[in-house]
Amino acid sequence: QHTFVPLPRRWVVERSFGWMVQWRRLVRDYEGRIDVSCEMIYVAMGSLLLKRLFENE
């Protein structure tokens, strides 16, 4: 018998995926190369970081 056991920090990953959905280019696999897709994730997360950093000023 298997029971559901939530992973301890899974919500962090799910939240990050939710933030990336705001970038339309990351919703679908438009990129032909994996390195370009990886860089787009860095751009999206960096943009979110900068937005939140300067939001409180």
Protein backbone atom coordinates (compact mmCIF):
# COMPACT_ATOMS: atom_id res chain seq x y z
CA GLN A 1 0.00 0.00 0.00
CA HIS A 2 1.43 3.34 -1.10
CA THR A 3 0.42 6.56 0.57
CA PHE A 4 0.98 10.11 -0.58
CA VAL A 5 3.98 11.74 1.06
CA PRO A 6 4.67 15.36 0.04
CA LEU A 7 8.26 16.22 -0.70
CA PRO A 8 9.67 18.74 1.78
CA ARG A 9 10.71 21.54 -0.59
CA ARG A 10 8.66 20.79 -3.69
CA TRP A 11 6.65 24.00 -3.29
CA VAL A 12 9.81 26.01 -4.07
CA VAL A 13 10.14 24.32 -7.47
CA GLU A 14 6.42 24.62 -8.22
CA ARG A 15 6.48 28.32 -7.32
CA SER A 16 9.47 28.91 -9.59
CA PHE A 17 7.70 27.15 -12.47
CA GLY A 18 4.69 29.41 -11.84
CA TRP A 19 6.88 32.49 -12.15
CA MET A 20 8.42 31.23 -15.39
CA VAL A 21 4.97 30.81 -16.96
CA GLN A 22 4.78 34.61 -17.13
CA TRP A 23 7.45 34.43 -19.84
CA ARG A 24 5.57 33.25 -22.90
CA ARG A 25 8.74 32.00 -24.56
CA LEU A 26 9.30 29.55 -21.69
CA VAL A 27 5.79 28.09 -21.75
CA ARG A 28 6.43 26.08 -24.91
CA ASP A 29 9.61 24.52 -26.18
CA TYR A 30 10.35 27.08 -28.89
CA GLU A 31 14.13 26.80 -28.65
CA GLY A 32 16.00 24.35 -30.82
CA ARG A 33 19.05 24.28 -28.58
CA ILE A 34 19.07 23.44 -24.88
CA ASP A 35 21.69 26.09 -24.03
CA VAL A 36 19.46 28.86 -25.42
CA SER A 37 16.54 27.58 -23.38
CA CYS A 38 18.71 27.47 -20.28
CA GLU A 39 19.84 31.06 -20.84
CA MET A 40 16.22 32.18 -21.25
CA ILE A 41 15.47 30.73 -17.81
CA TYR A 42 18.38 32.76 -16.40
CA VAL A 43 17.04 35.89 -18.09
CA ALA A 44 13.53 35.30 -16.75
CA MET A 45 14.70 34.67 -13.18
CA GLY A 46 17.13 37.62 -13.32
CA SER A 47 14.34 39.87 -14.53
CA LEU A 48 12.11 38.72 -11.69
CA LEU A 49 14.91 39.33 -9.19
CA LEU A 50 15.56 42.85 -10.49
CA LYS A 51 11.87 43.69 -10.56
CA ARG A 52 11.45 42.64 -6.95
CA LEU A 53 14.65 44.35 -5.88
CA PHE A 54 13.66 47.74 -7.29
CA GLU A 55 9.96 47.38 -6.49
CA ASN A 56 10.49 48.41 -2.87
CA GLU A 57 12.31 51.65 -3.63
